[in-house]
Amino acid sequence: MFRRSAALAIPLVLALGVAACGDGADSLLPEDVAAEVNGEEIPADVLDGIVTAVSAPPAEGSEAPDAPETVELERSVLSSLIQSVIATDLAADEGIELSDDEIAALRDENAEQVAAETEQFGMSDEDYLTYVLLPNALVQELYVEAGDDVPDEEIQAAYDELEATGQTEVATISHILVDTEVEAVDAITRIAGGESFEEVAADVSTDPGSAANGGALGADVPLATFVEPFAEAARTAEIGEVTDPVETEFGFHVLRVDSLTVQSYEDLEPQLRQQAAQGTAQDLLSTAFAEADVIVPARIGVWDGEIGGVVAEEAVGEAPDAPAGTDATAPAQSTEDTSDQ
């Protein structure tokens, strides 16, 4: 992904995993240049403007940010700017470019965002196009082309794997979890007597996560997520009807299955192709980051291809933290603690 300060609105695109580092020497960099990337200069005023905007002014009576904090912010912002240039270069190498009409449309579609963020971050419209709008649009095109290049056989194999592991069978289920069969029967009796499933779940279910949602475990959750007695009861349940008590290692469940679907190849093919495209695009970007010729001011740090960013010289090669915002496009999984019951 494009690494950035949380306050800097450069969209995150890919999780990086590369293994090289750039040159931290800055003897050839003029004072008005923040970095040189594959021979292209990033103006210092672009970096300085964003850093100044992102740095909150100290409250009255409080101390200004320490110098190390400022340098760390510079590294984060400069990483995003460098990555933008490399992504744009990669797109050009792959024959991906936007026409003048497409660039104009990109500006128009994002006019409000551009107006707000150029003011917020002290960037010109052209700088915003260069370092934010254009690279992200080009990376999205890279995704599309990467997806088109994935062989159908690879997509079919991915679907076959999902099918073999039960991931294509999905259901929308609500449940009530209690400790004993007597309590489960009591819950069923209350529902038969006119109380709603949701009310009873909220009242008696020992699964706090789903109880707060009327017993709902999520939409289109793979049955393979659940333990087998629960999954088998869901397979055989009459849609929309309350089941008899179902015992699992977690207790006794009362289920209501609102939908049960076996997702076909045609249903999942776009999603699977997108996943494959992400992998291909990540590989391309990883290589581009690793091979980029990057020079940054030594006072800020060095370009470390292993994490795709600018780091302190002594931190080169250290394992990065898990990237934030990674878009998982695997079949939906429930987030409840008891979703695998």
Protein backbone atom coordinates (compact mmCIF):
# COMPACT_ATOMS: atom_id res chain seq x y z
CA MET A 1 0.00 0.00 0.00
CA PHE A 2 1.02 3.55 -0.35
CA ARG A 3 2.40 4.27 3.11
CA ARG A 4 1.30 7.58 4.56
CA SER A 5 0.52 9.54 7.66
CA ALA A 6 -3.02 8.81 8.76
CA ALA A 7 -3.85 12.46 8.17
CA LEU A 8 -2.57 12.49 4.61
CA ALA A 9 -5.29 11.55 2.17
CA ILE A 10 -3.28 9.53 -0.31
CA PRO A 11 -5.36 6.37 -0.87
CA LEU A 12 -3.82 3.08 0.18
CA VAL A 13 -3.48 0.75 -2.78
CA LEU A 14 -1.20 -2.22 -2.19
CA ALA A 15 0.55 -4.02 0.63
CA LEU A 16 4.25 -4.01 -0.15
CA GLY A 17 6.80 -6.74 0.32
CA VAL A 18 10.06 -6.02 -1.43
CA ALA A 19 13.71 -6.62 -0.61
CA ALA A 20 16.14 -3.89 -1.53
CA CYS A 21 17.18 -0.48 -0.35
CA GLY A 22 17.97 2.77 -2.07
CA ASP A 23 20.81 5.24 -1.71
CA GLY A 24 20.51 7.58 1.25
CA ALA A 25 23.28 9.89 0.05
CA ASP A 26 22.09 13.40 -0.69
CA SER A 27 25.27 15.07 -1.86
CA LEU A 28 23.75 15.52 -5.31
CA LEU A 29 20.40 16.85 -4.11
CA PRO A 30 19.83 20.59 -4.29
CA GLU A 31 18.19 22.18 -1.25
CA ASP A 32 14.93 22.58 -3.13
CA VAL A 33 14.68 18.83 -3.88
CA ALA A 34 13.15 16.41 -1.34
CA ALA A 35 14.12 13.27 -3.23
CA GLU A 36 15.17 11.99 -6.62
CA VAL A 37 13.32 8.96 -7.96
CA ASN A 38 14.47 7.31 -11.16
CA GLY A 39 15.92 10.66 -12.19
CA GLU A 40 12.76 12.61 -11.35
CA GLU A 41 12.94 15.25 -8.64
CA ILE A 42 10.30 15.67 -5.95
CA PRO A 43 10.24 19.34 -4.94
CA ALA A 44 11.06 20.07 -1.31
CA ASP A 45 8.20 22.52 -1.07
CA VAL A 46 5.70 19.72 -1.76
CA LEU A 47 7.09 17.68 1.13
CA ASP A 48 7.39 20.70 3.42
CA GLY A 49 3.86 21.88 2.65
CA ILE A 50 2.28 18.55 3.51
CA VAL A 51 4.38 18.05 6.65
CA THR A 52 3.48 21.54 7.85
CA ALA A 53 -0.19 20.96 7.18
CA VAL A 54 -0.27 17.55 8.85
CA SER A 55 1.66 18.73 11.92
CA ALA A 56 -0.93 20.07 14.32
CA PRO A 57 0.16 23.39 15.82
CA PRO A 58 1.03 23.02 19.50
CA ALA A 59 -1.64 24.12 21.94
CA GLU A 60 -0.97 27.30 23.84
CA GLY A 61 1.48 26.61 26.61
CA SER A 62 2.50 23.20 25.20
CA GLU A 63 5.80 22.28 23.65
CA ALA A 64 6.36 21.99 19.92
CA PRO A 65 6.81 18.45 18.52
CA ASP A 66 10.24 16.95 19.11
CA ALA A 67 12.61 16.85 16.16
CA PRO A 68 12.46 13.01 15.96
CA GLU A 69 8.68 13.20 15.59
CA THR A 70 9.03 15.69 12.76
CA VAL A 71 11.58 13.52 10.97
CA GLU A 72 9.35 10.46 11.31
CA LEU A 73 6.49 12.42 9.73
CA GLU A 74 8.78 13.53 6.93
CA ARG A 75 9.72 9.90 6.28
CA SER A 76 6.08 8.86 6.12
CA VAL A 77 5.03 11.64 3.77
CA LEU A 78 8.13 11.32 1.58
CA SER A 79 7.51 7.56 1.33
CA SER A 80 4.08 8.25 -0.16
CA LEU A 81 5.45 10.77 -2.62
CA ILE A 82 8.24 8.43 -3.74
CA GLN A 83 5.85 5.53 -4.12
CA SER A 84 3.57 7.67 -6.26
CA VAL A 85 6.40 8.42 -8.68
CA ILE A 86 7.45 4.77 -8.86
CA ALA A 87 3.87 3.64 -9.46
CA THR A 88 3.51 6.15 -12.28
CA ASP A 89 6.77 4.96 -13.84
CA LEU A 90 5.67 1.33 -13.55
CA ALA A 91 2.40 2.09 -15.31
CA ALA A 92 4.30 3.72 -18.15
CA ASP A 93 6.58 0.68 -18.42
CA GLU A 94 3.48 -1.52 -18.64
CA GLY A 95 2.03 0.67 -21.38
CA ILE A 96 -0.68 2.09 -19.13
CA GLU A 97 -1.46 5.76 -19.54
CA LEU A 98 -4.44 8.10 -19.39
CA SER A 99 -5.44 10.32 -22.27
CA ASP A 100 -5.93 14.05 -21.82
CA ASP A 101 -9.69 13.49 -21.81
CA GLU A 102 -9.38 10.80 -19.13
CA ILE A 103 -7.21 13.05 -16.99
CA ALA A 104 -9.73 15.86 -17.37
CA ALA A 105 -12.50 13.48 -16.34
CA LEU A 106 -10.42 12.37 -13.36
CA ARG A 107 -10.08 15.97 -12.26
CA ASP A 108 -13.80 16.60 -12.67
CA GLU A 109 -14.85 13.45 -10.83
CA ASN A 110 -12.65 14.37 -7.87
CA ALA A 111 -13.13 18.14 -7.95
CA GLU A 112 -14.44 18.43 -4.39
CA GLN A 113 -11.70 16.20 -3.01
CA VAL A 114 -9.05 18.11 -4.92
CA ALA A 115 -10.33 21.48 -3.71
CA ALA A 116 -10.48 20.36 -0.08
CA GLU A 117 -7.18 18.52 0.08
CA THR A 118 -5.05 20.90 -1.94
CA GLU A 119 -6.06 23.56 0.53
CA GLN A 120 -5.58 21.27 3.51
CA PHE A 121 -2.15 20.04 2.46
CA GLY A 122 -0.89 23.16 0.74
CA MET A 123 -0.54 21.45 -2.64
CA SER A 124 -1.15 22.87 -6.08
CA ASP A 125 -3.70 21.21 -8.33
CA GLU A 126 -0.89 19.89 -10.52
CA ASP A 127 1.04 18.46 -7.58
CA TYR A 128 -2.12 16.76 -6.32
CA LEU A 129 -2.68 15.27 -9.75
CA THR A 130 0.94 14.09 -9.94
CA TYR A 131 1.26 12.56 -6.50
CA VAL A 132 -2.28 11.48 -5.63
CA LEU A 133 -4.92 11.26 -8.35
CA LEU A 134 -2.86 10.05 -11.28
CA PRO A 135 -0.76 7.31 -9.59
CA ASN A 136 -3.78 5.80 -7.89
CA ALA A 137 -5.81 5.82 -11.09
CA LEU A 138 -2.91 4.18 -12.91
CA VAL A 139 -2.55 1.49 -10.26
CA GLN A 140 -6.25 0.72 -10.57
CA GLU A 141 -5.71 0.28 -14.31
CA LEU A 142 -2.77 -1.99 -13.49
CA TYR A 143 -5.17 -4.10 -11.42
CA VAL A 144 -7.56 -4.35 -14.33
CA GLU A 145 -4.91 -5.38 -16.82
CA ALA A 146 -3.39 -7.85 -14.37
CA GLY A 147 -6.81 -9.44 -13.93
CA ASP A 148 -7.32 -9.72 -17.66
CA ASP A 149 -4.00 -11.54 -17.95
CA VAL A 150 -4.82 -14.22 -15.37
CA PRO A 151 -5.45 -17.55 -17.19
CA ASP A 152 -8.96 -18.95 -16.84
CA GLU A 153 -7.41 -22.20 -15.65
CA GLU A 154 -5.96 -20.43 -12.62
CA ILE A 155 -9.35 -18.95 -11.74
CA GLN A 156 -11.01 -22.35 -12.15
CA ALA A 157 -8.41 -23.93 -9.85
CA ALA A 158 -9.07 -21.29 -7.23
CA TYR A 159 -12.80 -21.96 -7.44
CA ASP A 160 -12.25 -25.71 -7.21
CA GLU A 161 -10.26 -25.17 -4.02
CA LEU A 162 -13.06 -23.12 -2.49
CA GLU A 163 -15.58 -25.75 -3.48
CA ALA A 164 -13.48 -28.57 -2.03
CA THR A 165 -13.18 -26.77 1.30
CA GLY A 166 -16.87 -25.85 1.51
CA GLN A 167 -16.34 -22.15 0.90
CA THR A 168 -18.87 -21.93 -1.93
CA GLU A 169 -21.83 -22.91 0.29
CA VAL A 170 -22.94 -19.74 2.06
CA ALA A 171 -25.84 -18.89 4.33
CA THR A 172 -27.39 -15.99 6.19
CA ILE A 173 -28.11 -17.33 9.67
CA SER A 174 -29.35 -16.06 13.01
CA HIS A 175 -28.95 -18.15 16.14
CA ILE A 176 -29.66 -18.23 19.83
CA LEU A 177 -27.00 -19.92 21.96
CA VAL A 178 -27.86 -21.23 25.43
CA ASP A 179 -26.31 -23.68 27.86
CA THR A 180 -28.99 -26.37 28.04
CA GLU A 181 -31.54 -28.04 25.82
CA VAL A 182 -34.30 -26.95 28.21
CA GLU A 183 -33.33 -23.32 27.67
CA ALA A 184 -33.29 -23.86 23.91
CA VAL A 185 -36.79 -25.36 23.98
CA ASP A 186 -37.97 -22.45 26.10
CA ALA A 187 -36.61 -20.00 23.52
CA ILE A 188 -38.42 -21.87 20.74
CA THR A 189 -41.65 -21.78 22.77
CA ARG A 190 -41.37 -18.04 23.27
CA ILE A 191 -40.91 -17.47 19.55
CA ALA A 192 -43.86 -19.76 18.74
CA GLY A 193 -45.90 -17.74 21.22
CA GLY A 194 -45.40 -14.53 19.30
CA GLU A 195 -42.10 -13.04 20.42
CA SER A 196 -39.66 -12.23 17.67
CA PHE A 197 -36.51 -14.27 17.16
CA GLU A 198 -34.51 -11.07 17.57
CA GLU A 199 -36.10 -10.21 20.93
CA VAL A 200 -35.50 -13.66 22.35
CA ALA A 201 -31.91 -13.72 21.08
CA ALA A 202 -31.19 -10.37 22.68
CA ASP A 203 -32.72 -11.59 25.94
CA VAL A 204 -31.22 -15.05 26.42
CA SER A 205 -28.41 -15.77 23.94
CA THR A 206 -25.02 -16.27 25.56
CA ASP A 207 -23.28 -15.16 22.35
CA PRO A 208 -22.99 -11.43 23.15
CA GLY A 209 -21.81 -10.42 19.70
CA SER A 210 -24.72 -11.87 17.77
CA ALA A 211 -27.25 -11.28 20.55
CA ALA A 212 -26.70 -7.55 20.16
CA ASN A 213 -27.72 -7.99 16.51
CA GLY A 214 -30.79 -10.09 17.18
CA GLY A 215 -28.81 -13.29 16.75
CA ALA A 216 -27.53 -12.42 13.27
CA LEU A 217 -24.20 -14.01 12.35
CA GLY A 218 -23.70 -12.11 9.12
CA ALA A 219 -24.78 -12.33 5.51
CA ASP A 220 -23.58 -15.09 3.19
CA VAL A 221 -21.18 -16.70 5.64
CA PRO A 222 -19.51 -19.90 4.34
CA LEU A 223 -20.92 -22.94 6.11
CA ALA A 224 -17.36 -24.20 6.42
CA THR A 225 -16.93 -21.42 8.99
CA PHE A 226 -19.12 -23.30 11.43
CA VAL A 227 -18.61 -26.57 13.29
CA GLU A 228 -20.23 -29.48 11.49
CA PRO A 229 -23.38 -30.05 13.61
CA PHE A 230 -24.24 -26.38 13.20
CA ALA A 231 -23.43 -26.40 9.46
CA GLU A 232 -25.42 -29.58 8.84
CA ALA A 233 -28.45 -28.15 10.67
CA ALA A 234 -28.20 -25.04 8.48
CA ARG A 235 -28.06 -27.17 5.32
CA THR A 236 -31.24 -29.04 6.21
CA ALA A 237 -33.19 -26.18 7.78
CA GLU A 238 -36.34 -24.86 6.17
CA ILE A 239 -35.65 -21.33 5.05
CA GLY A 240 -37.10 -18.75 7.42
CA GLU A 241 -38.21 -21.32 10.01
CA VAL A 242 -36.88 -21.90 13.51
CA THR A 243 -35.02 -25.19 13.98
CA ASP A 244 -35.11 -27.66 16.82
CA PRO A 245 -32.23 -27.37 19.31
CA VAL A 246 -28.81 -28.12 17.80
CA GLU A 247 -26.07 -29.26 20.13
CA THR A 248 -22.43 -28.35 19.55
CA GLU A 249 -19.40 -28.15 21.79
CA PHE A 250 -20.43 -24.58 22.60
CA GLY A 251 -23.91 -25.35 23.87
CA PHE A 252 -27.37 -25.57 22.33
CA HIS A 253 -28.36 -23.45 19.35
CA VAL A 254 -31.68 -22.42 17.90
CA LEU A 255 -31.22 -21.47 14.24
CA ARG A 256 -33.10 -19.50 11.67
CA VAL A 257 -31.65 -19.72 8.17
CA ASP A 258 -32.77 -16.83 6.01
CA SER A 259 -30.89 -17.87 2.88
CA LEU A 260 -28.71 -20.73 1.69
CA THR A 261 -26.81 -20.48 -1.57
CA VAL A 262 -24.17 -22.45 -3.41
CA GLN A 263 -22.08 -19.87 -5.20
CA SER A 264 -21.29 -20.90 -8.76
CA TYR A 265 -18.09 -20.30 -10.69
CA GLU A 266 -19.85 -17.44 -12.45
CA ASP A 267 -20.78 -15.90 -9.10
CA LEU A 268 -17.22 -15.93 -7.77
CA GLU A 269 -15.18 -15.50 -10.95
CA PRO A 270 -14.96 -11.67 -10.71
CA GLN A 271 -13.90 -11.84 -7.07
CA LEU A 272 -11.35 -14.58 -7.71
CA ARG A 273 -9.95 -12.72 -10.70
CA GLN A 274 -9.61 -9.59 -8.59
CA GLN A 275 -7.70 -11.54 -5.95
CA ALA A 276 -5.36 -12.96 -8.56
CA ALA A 277 -4.91 -9.51 -10.07
CA GLN A 278 -3.95 -8.10 -6.69
CA GLY A 279 -1.23 -10.69 -6.35
CA THR A 280 0.13 -9.98 -9.81
CA ALA A 281 0.01 -6.21 -9.31
CA GLN A 282 1.70 -6.53 -5.94
CA ASP A 283 4.51 -8.52 -7.52
CA LEU A 284 4.99 -5.86 -10.17
CA LEU A 285 5.00 -3.05 -7.65
CA SER A 286 7.27 -4.95 -5.30
CA THR A 287 9.82 -5.36 -8.08
CA ALA A 288 9.47 -1.70 -9.06
CA PHE A 289 10.07 -0.54 -5.51
CA ALA A 290 13.04 -2.85 -5.16
CA GLU A 291 14.65 -1.69 -8.40
CA ALA A 292 13.92 2.02 -8.10
CA ASP A 293 16.87 4.39 -8.00
CA VAL A 294 15.98 6.58 -5.02
CA ILE A 295 18.03 9.29 -3.32
CA VAL A 296 16.71 11.01 -0.21
CA PRO A 297 18.30 13.53 2.17
CA ALA A 298 20.52 11.73 4.67
CA ARG A 299 19.06 13.78 7.52
CA ILE A 300 15.69 12.10 6.85
CA GLY A 301 16.91 8.57 6.24
CA VAL A 302 17.26 6.07 3.40
CA TRP A 303 14.92 4.33 1.01
CA ASP A 304 14.36 0.75 2.19
CA GLY A 305 12.80 -1.46 -0.45
CA GLU A 306 11.96 -4.15 2.08
CA ILE A 307 9.15 -2.00 3.42
CA GLY A 308 8.80 0.31 0.45
CA GLY A 309 9.51 3.44 2.44
CA VAL A 310 11.99 5.87 3.91
CA VAL A 311 13.48 4.74 7.23
CA ALA A 312 16.30 5.64 9.54
CA GLU A 313 19.57 4.23 8.25
CA GLU A 314 19.90 1.88 11.23
CA ALA A 315 16.39 0.50 10.58
CA VAL A 316 17.09 -0.77 7.06
CA GLY A 317 16.02 -4.38 6.68
CA GLU A 318 13.84 -4.49 9.78
CA ALA A 319 10.52 -6.30 9.29
CA PRO A 320 7.68 -3.82 8.79
CA ASP A 321 4.48 -3.82 10.78
CA ALA A 322 1.46 -5.50 9.14
CA PRO A 323 0.12 -3.10 6.48
CA ALA A 324 -3.11 -1.35 7.39
CA GLY A 325 -6.20 -1.33 5.18
CA THR A 326 -5.42 -4.43 3.17
CA ASP A 327 -8.45 -5.33 1.22
CA ALA A 328 -9.32 -8.98 1.80
CA THR A 329 -11.63 -10.16 -0.92
CA ALA A 330 -12.04 -13.76 0.18
CA PRO A 331 -15.60 -15.02 0.74
CA ALA A 332 -17.29 -13.31 3.65
CA GLN A 333 -16.36 -14.42 7.13
CA SER A 334 -18.37 -13.67 10.27
CA THR A 335 -16.66 -11.49 12.81
CA GLU A 336 -18.52 -12.84 15.82
CA ASP A 337 -16.61 -14.77 18.46
CA THR A 338 -18.99 -17.71 18.08
CA SER A 339 -19.31 -17.60 14.32
CA ASP A 340 -17.47 -20.89 14.01
CA GLN A 341 -19.93 -22.66 16.21
